[in-house]
Amino acid sequence: MAESVDFENLVAGYYAPLYQFAFSLTRDEADSCDLVQQTFCIWARKGHQLRDATKVKTWLFTTLHREFLSARRKQTRFPHVELEHAAAELPMVAPATVNRLDTAQVLAALARLDEVFQAPVALFYLQDCSYNEIAAILEVPLGTVKSRLTRGLGRLHELLTGEKIEMPKPTNL
């Protein structure tokens, strides 16, 4: 039944109230616009599943709120840190080395890591899992996750560059 809802009319009718709601949550114009846009994108993909067209408004506001909460959780798990403040935690890799690498090389090197290091590195960097999530998935203590990530990254760097480096210990989380 929701298929009968015209997308352009939906946007025209609900953009302003959704934006106001988003702004009340984020207090940021750009974030509010992003939330509203994401809500309409989700509607474009999933709106046809709504059986009762009278519930469009509720669906849109609920979706926007869920997207807001999801963004906040991600922001908490992966906070924005200015590069200059985190420089001490980053491994020293020459720019020439970075320019020579491509995704296929990195994935091939990841596959050559010992399994004990491969899973935490893949979960952290490819699946955006937090340390706590990795610990739960692998059923190991949090300290073990951090240690395996540190050693795994050092080994990955060695496989990619042939250089052995001393990796700094993770300090966040």
C-alpha atoms as a PDB file:
ATOM      1  CA  MET A   1       0.000   0.000   0.000  1.00  0.00           C
ATOM      2  CA  ALA A   2       2.942   2.317   0.693  1.00  0.00           C
ATOM      3  CA  GLU A   3       3.880   1.960  -2.981  1.00  0.00           C
ATOM      4  CA  SER A   4       1.096   4.432  -3.704  1.00  0.00           C
ATOM      5  CA  VAL A   5       2.985   7.127  -1.771  1.00  0.00           C
ATOM      6  CA  ASP A   6       4.654   9.405  -4.312  1.00  0.00           C
ATOM      7  CA  PHE A   7       8.303   9.960  -3.354  1.00  0.00           C
ATOM      8  CA  GLU A   8       8.370  13.623  -4.417  1.00  0.00           C
ATOM      9  CA  ASN A   9       5.223  14.401  -2.434  1.00  0.00           C
ATOM     10  CA  LEU A  10       6.632  12.516   0.531  1.00  0.00           C
ATOM     11  CA  VAL A  11       9.805  14.605   0.485  1.00  0.00           C
ATOM     12  CA  ALA A  12       7.864  17.832  -0.019  1.00  0.00           C
ATOM     13  CA  GLY A  13       5.531  17.027   2.853  1.00  0.00           C
ATOM     14  CA  TYR A  14       7.999  15.704   5.407  1.00  0.00           C
ATOM     15  CA  TYR A  15      11.386  17.290   4.698  1.00  0.00           C
ATOM     16  CA  ALA A  16      10.858  20.344   6.928  1.00  0.00           C
ATOM     17  CA  PRO A  17       9.463  18.496   9.981  1.00  0.00           C
ATOM     18  CA  LEU A  18      12.124  15.785   9.685  1.00  0.00           C
ATOM     19  CA  TYR A  19      14.839  18.431   9.415  1.00  0.00           C
ATOM     20  CA  GLN A  20      13.497  20.232  12.502  1.00  0.00           C
ATOM     21  CA  PHE A  21      13.480  16.972  14.441  1.00  0.00           C
ATOM     22  CA  ALA A  22      16.994  16.117  13.254  1.00  0.00           C
ATOM     23  CA  PHE A  23      18.252  19.570  14.184  1.00  0.00           C
ATOM     24  CA  SER A  24      16.748  19.239  17.657  1.00  0.00           C
ATOM     25  CA  LEU A  25      18.774  16.040  18.055  1.00  0.00           C
ATOM     26  CA  THR A  26      22.078  17.087  16.490  1.00  0.00           C
ATOM     27  CA  ARG A  27      22.183  20.882  16.869  1.00  0.00           C
ATOM     28  CA  ASP A  28      24.185  20.869  13.639  1.00  0.00           C
ATOM     29  CA  GLU A  29      22.885  21.903  10.227  1.00  0.00           C
ATOM     30  CA  ALA A  30      25.049  19.559   8.153  1.00  0.00           C
ATOM     31  CA  ASP A  31      24.376  16.542  10.390  1.00  0.00           C
ATOM     32  CA  SER A  32      20.664  17.288  10.291  1.00  0.00           C
ATOM     33  CA  CYS A  33      20.644  17.436   6.494  1.00  0.00           C
ATOM     34  CA  ASP A  34      22.586  14.164   6.368  1.00  0.00           C
ATOM     35  CA  LEU A  35      20.106  12.452   8.697  1.00  0.00           C
ATOM     36  CA  VAL A  36      17.128  13.586   6.644  1.00  0.00           C
ATOM     37  CA  GLN A  37      18.791  12.518   3.409  1.00  0.00           C
ATOM     38  CA  GLN A  38      19.668   9.135   4.900  1.00  0.00           C
ATOM     39  CA  THR A  39      16.062   8.714   6.059  1.00  0.00           C
ATOM     40  CA  PHE A  40      14.740   9.325   2.544  1.00  0.00           C
ATOM     41  CA  CYS A  41      17.368   6.990   1.077  1.00  0.00           C
ATOM     42  CA  ILE A  42      16.186   4.248   3.406  1.00  0.00           C
ATOM     43  CA  TRP A  43      12.598   5.007   2.407  1.00  0.00           C
ATOM     44  CA  ALA A  44      13.576   4.658  -1.256  1.00  0.00           C
ATOM     45  CA  ARG A  45      15.024   1.202  -0.520  1.00  0.00           C
ATOM     46  CA  LYS A  46      12.540  -0.103   2.043  1.00  0.00           C
ATOM     47  CA  GLY A  47       9.435   2.074   1.967  1.00  0.00           C
ATOM     48  CA  HIS A  48       7.593  -0.366  -0.253  1.00  0.00           C
ATOM     49  CA  GLN A  49       7.530  -2.774   2.713  1.00  0.00           C
ATOM     50  CA  LEU A  50       5.233  -0.494   4.714  1.00  0.00           C
ATOM     51  CA  ARG A  51       1.742  -1.947   4.441  1.00  0.00           C
ATOM     52  CA  ASP A  52      -0.239   0.896   6.002  1.00  0.00           C
ATOM     53  CA  ALA A  53       0.314   4.210   4.200  1.00  0.00           C
ATOM     54  CA  THR A  54      -1.182   6.076   7.182  1.00  0.00           C
ATOM     55  CA  LYS A  55       1.945   5.168   9.161  1.00  0.00           C
ATOM     56  CA  VAL A  56       4.417   6.858   6.807  1.00  0.00           C
ATOM     57  CA  LYS A  57       5.057   9.746   9.201  1.00  0.00           C
ATOM     58  CA  THR A  58       5.768   7.428  12.124  1.00  0.00           C
ATOM     59  CA  TRP A  59       8.012   5.275   9.953  1.00  0.00           C
ATOM     60  CA  LEU A  60      10.027   8.278   8.749  1.00  0.00           C
ATOM     61  CA  PHE A  61      10.522   9.766  12.221  1.00  0.00           C
ATOM     62  CA  THR A  62      11.399   6.382  13.727  1.00  0.00           C
ATOM     63  CA  THR A  63      13.900   5.727  10.961  1.00  0.00           C
ATOM     64  CA  LEU A  64      15.507   9.145  11.405  1.00  0.00           C
ATOM     65  CA  HIS A  65      15.797   8.602  15.161  1.00  0.00           C
ATOM     66  CA  ARG A  66      17.364   5.158  14.661  1.00  0.00           C
ATOM     67  CA  GLU A  67      19.871   6.614  12.208  1.00  0.00           C
ATOM     68  CA  PHE A  68      20.723   9.339  14.732  1.00  0.00           C
ATOM     69  CA  LEU A  69      21.315   6.742  17.469  1.00  0.00           C
ATOM     70  CA  SER A  70      23.376   4.597  15.124  1.00  0.00           C
ATOM     71  CA  ALA A  71      25.554   7.576  14.178  1.00  0.00           C
ATOM     72  CA  ARG A  72      26.049   8.468  17.852  1.00  0.00           C
ATOM     73  CA  ARG A  73      27.065   4.901  18.701  1.00  0.00           C
ATOM     74  CA  LYS A  74      29.540   4.888  15.831  1.00  0.00           C
ATOM     75  CA  GLN A  75      30.880   8.284  16.911  1.00  0.00           C
ATOM     76  CA  THR A  76      31.361   6.951  20.440  1.00  0.00           C
ATOM     77  CA  ARG A  77      33.084   3.793  19.219  1.00  0.00           C
ATOM     78  CA  PHE A  78      35.228   5.604  16.672  1.00  0.00           C
ATOM     79  CA  PRO A  79      35.662   9.164  17.896  1.00  0.00           C
ATOM     80  CA  HIS A  80      37.073  11.790  15.579  1.00  0.00           C
ATOM     81  CA  VAL A  81      40.633  12.549  16.607  1.00  0.00           C
ATOM     82  CA  GLU A  82      42.730  15.213  14.989  1.00  0.00           C
ATOM     83  CA  LEU A  83      45.701  13.591  13.319  1.00  0.00           C
ATOM     84  CA  GLU A  84      48.191  15.828  15.092  1.00  0.00           C
ATOM     85  CA  HIS A  85      46.940  14.567  18.490  1.00  0.00           C
ATOM     86  CA  ALA A  86      47.194  10.903  17.488  1.00  0.00           C
ATOM     87  CA  ALA A  87      50.505  11.097  15.628  1.00  0.00           C
ATOM     88  CA  ALA A  88      52.412   9.398  18.460  1.00  0.00           C
ATOM     89  CA  GLU A  89      50.154   6.330  18.210  1.00  0.00           C
ATOM     90  CA  LEU A  90      50.625   5.855  14.470  1.00  0.00           C
ATOM     91  CA  PRO A  91      53.328   3.601  13.040  1.00  0.00           C
ATOM     92  CA  MET A  92      56.052   5.303  11.064  1.00  0.00           C
ATOM     93  CA  VAL A  93      55.563   4.395   7.420  1.00  0.00           C
ATOM     94  CA  ALA A  94      57.406   6.226   4.707  1.00  0.00           C
ATOM     95  CA  PRO A  95      55.139   7.924   2.128  1.00  0.00           C
ATOM     96  CA  ALA A  96      56.918   6.020  -0.630  1.00  0.00           C
ATOM     97  CA  THR A  97      55.821   2.759   1.005  1.00  0.00           C
ATOM     98  CA  VAL A  98      52.193   3.843   1.184  1.00  0.00           C
ATOM     99  CA  ASN A  99      52.202   4.830  -2.477  1.00  0.00           C
ATOM    100  CA  ARG A 100      53.386   1.353  -3.489  1.00  0.00           C
ATOM    101  CA  LEU A 101      50.629  -0.500  -1.644  1.00  0.00           C
ATOM    102  CA  ASP A 102      47.252  -1.363  -3.002  1.00  0.00           C
ATOM    103  CA  THR A 103      44.252  -3.153  -1.551  1.00  0.00           C
ATOM    104  CA  ALA A 104      45.091  -6.483  -3.141  1.00  0.00           C
ATOM    105  CA  GLN A 105      48.574  -6.446  -1.603  1.00  0.00           C
ATOM    106  CA  VAL A 106      47.222  -5.602   1.824  1.00  0.00           C
ATOM    107  CA  LEU A 107      44.572  -8.342   1.670  1.00  0.00           C
ATOM    108  CA  ALA A 108      47.168 -10.856   0.454  1.00  0.00           C
ATOM    109  CA  ALA A 109      49.470  -9.909   3.334  1.00  0.00           C
ATOM    110  CA  LEU A 110      46.554 -10.130   5.776  1.00  0.00           C
ATOM    111  CA  ALA A 111      45.890 -13.664   4.546  1.00  0.00           C
ATOM    112  CA  ARG A 112      49.523 -14.553   5.316  1.00  0.00           C
ATOM    113  CA  LEU A 113      49.261 -13.405   8.943  1.00  0.00           C
ATOM    114  CA  ASP A 114      49.040 -16.068  11.624  1.00  0.00           C
ATOM    115  CA  GLU A 115      45.389 -16.865  12.275  1.00  0.00           C
ATOM    116  CA  VAL A 116      45.691 -15.616  15.838  1.00  0.00           C
ATOM    117  CA  PHE A 117      46.516 -12.120  14.505  1.00  0.00           C
ATOM    118  CA  GLN A 118      44.464 -12.245  11.308  1.00  0.00           C
ATOM    119  CA  ALA A 119      41.024 -12.306  12.921  1.00  0.00           C
ATOM    120  CA  PRO A 120      41.487  -9.305  15.254  1.00  0.00           C
ATOM    121  CA  VAL A 121      43.095  -7.177  12.517  1.00  0.00           C
ATOM    122  CA  ALA A 122      40.366  -8.040  10.004  1.00  0.00           C
ATOM    123  CA  LEU A 123      37.566  -7.434  12.511  1.00  0.00           C
ATOM    124  CA  PHE A 124      39.017  -4.089  13.593  1.00  0.00           C
ATOM    125  CA  TYR A 125      39.997  -2.632  10.227  1.00  0.00           C
ATOM    126  CA  LEU A 126      37.645  -4.316   7.777  1.00  0.00           C
ATOM    127  CA  GLN A 127      34.516  -4.742   9.897  1.00  0.00           C
ATOM    128  CA  ASP A 128      34.844  -1.655  12.169  1.00  0.00           C
ATOM    129  CA  CYS A 129      34.445  -3.745  15.321  1.00  0.00           C
ATOM    130  CA  SER A 130      35.431  -2.213  18.647  1.00  0.00           C
ATOM    131  CA  TYR A 131      37.960  -3.881  20.947  1.00  0.00           C
ATOM    132  CA  ASN A 132      35.112  -5.074  23.174  1.00  0.00           C
ATOM    133  CA  GLU A 133      33.209  -6.543  20.217  1.00  0.00           C
ATOM    134  CA  ILE A 134      36.320  -8.352  19.017  1.00  0.00           C
ATOM    135  CA  ALA A 135      36.879  -9.745  22.508  1.00  0.00           C
ATOM    136  CA  ALA A 136      33.308 -11.054  22.577  1.00  0.00           C
ATOM    137  CA  ILE A 137      33.480 -12.502  19.040  1.00  0.00           C
ATOM    138  CA  LEU A 138      36.815 -14.242  19.616  1.00  0.00           C
ATOM    139  CA  GLU A 139      35.996 -15.070  23.247  1.00  0.00           C
ATOM    140  CA  VAL A 140      39.306 -13.698  24.519  1.00  0.00           C
ATOM    141  CA  PRO A 141      40.108 -11.005  27.118  1.00  0.00           C
ATOM    142  CA  LEU A 142      40.265  -7.359  26.051  1.00  0.00           C
ATOM    143  CA  GLY A 143      44.007  -7.179  26.746  1.00  0.00           C
ATOM    144  CA  THR A 144      44.574 -10.127  24.439  1.00  0.00           C
ATOM    145  CA  VAL A 145      42.723  -8.331  21.658  1.00  0.00           C
ATOM    146  CA  LYS A 146      44.884  -5.229  22.066  1.00  0.00           C
ATOM    147  CA  SER A 147      48.065  -7.299  22.170  1.00  0.00           C
ATOM    148  CA  ARG A 148      47.119  -9.309  19.081  1.00  0.00           C
ATOM    149  CA  LEU A 149      46.203  -6.161  17.186  1.00  0.00           C
ATOM    150  CA  THR A 150      49.520  -4.539  18.034  1.00  0.00           C
ATOM    151  CA  ARG A 151      51.571  -7.590  17.104  1.00  0.00           C
ATOM    152  CA  GLY A 152      49.407  -8.327  14.065  1.00  0.00           C
ATOM    153  CA  LEU A 153      49.861  -4.805  12.719  1.00  0.00           C
ATOM    154  CA  GLY A 154      53.602  -5.018  13.259  1.00  0.00           C
ATOM    155  CA  ARG A 155      53.736  -8.320  11.400  1.00  0.00           C
ATOM    156  CA  LEU A 156      51.477  -6.977   8.628  1.00  0.00           C
ATOM    157  CA  HIS A 157      53.800  -3.995   8.187  1.00  0.00           C
ATOM    158  CA  GLU A 158      56.771  -6.340   8.032  1.00  0.00           C
ATOM    159  CA  LEU A 159      55.070  -8.495   5.381  1.00  0.00           C
ATOM    160  CA  LEU A 160      54.199  -5.451   3.287  1.00  0.00           C
ATOM    161  CA  THR A 161      57.465  -3.563   3.528  1.00  0.00           C
ATOM    162  CA  GLY A 162      60.117  -6.016   4.638  1.00  0.00           C
ATOM    163  CA  GLU A 163      60.879  -3.607   7.489  1.00  0.00           C
ATOM    164  CA  LYS A 164      60.494  -4.626  11.084  1.00  0.00           C
ATOM    165  CA  ILE A 165      59.043  -1.851  13.235  1.00  0.00           C
ATOM    166  CA  GLU A 166      58.092  -1.418  16.842  1.00  0.00           C
ATOM    167  CA  MET A 167      54.347  -0.804  17.028  1.00  0.00           C
ATOM    168  CA  PRO A 168      53.035   1.490  19.766  1.00  0.00           C
ATOM    169  CA  LYS A 169      50.549  -0.036  22.161  1.00  0.00           C
ATOM    170  CA  PRO A 170      46.889   0.958  21.598  1.00  0.00           C
ATOM    171  CA  THR A 171      45.803   3.483  24.204  1.00  0.00           C
ATOM    172  CA  ASN A 172      42.116   4.104  23.503  1.00  0.00           C
ATOM    173  CA  LEU A 173      39.365   1.873  24.811  1.00  0.00           C
END
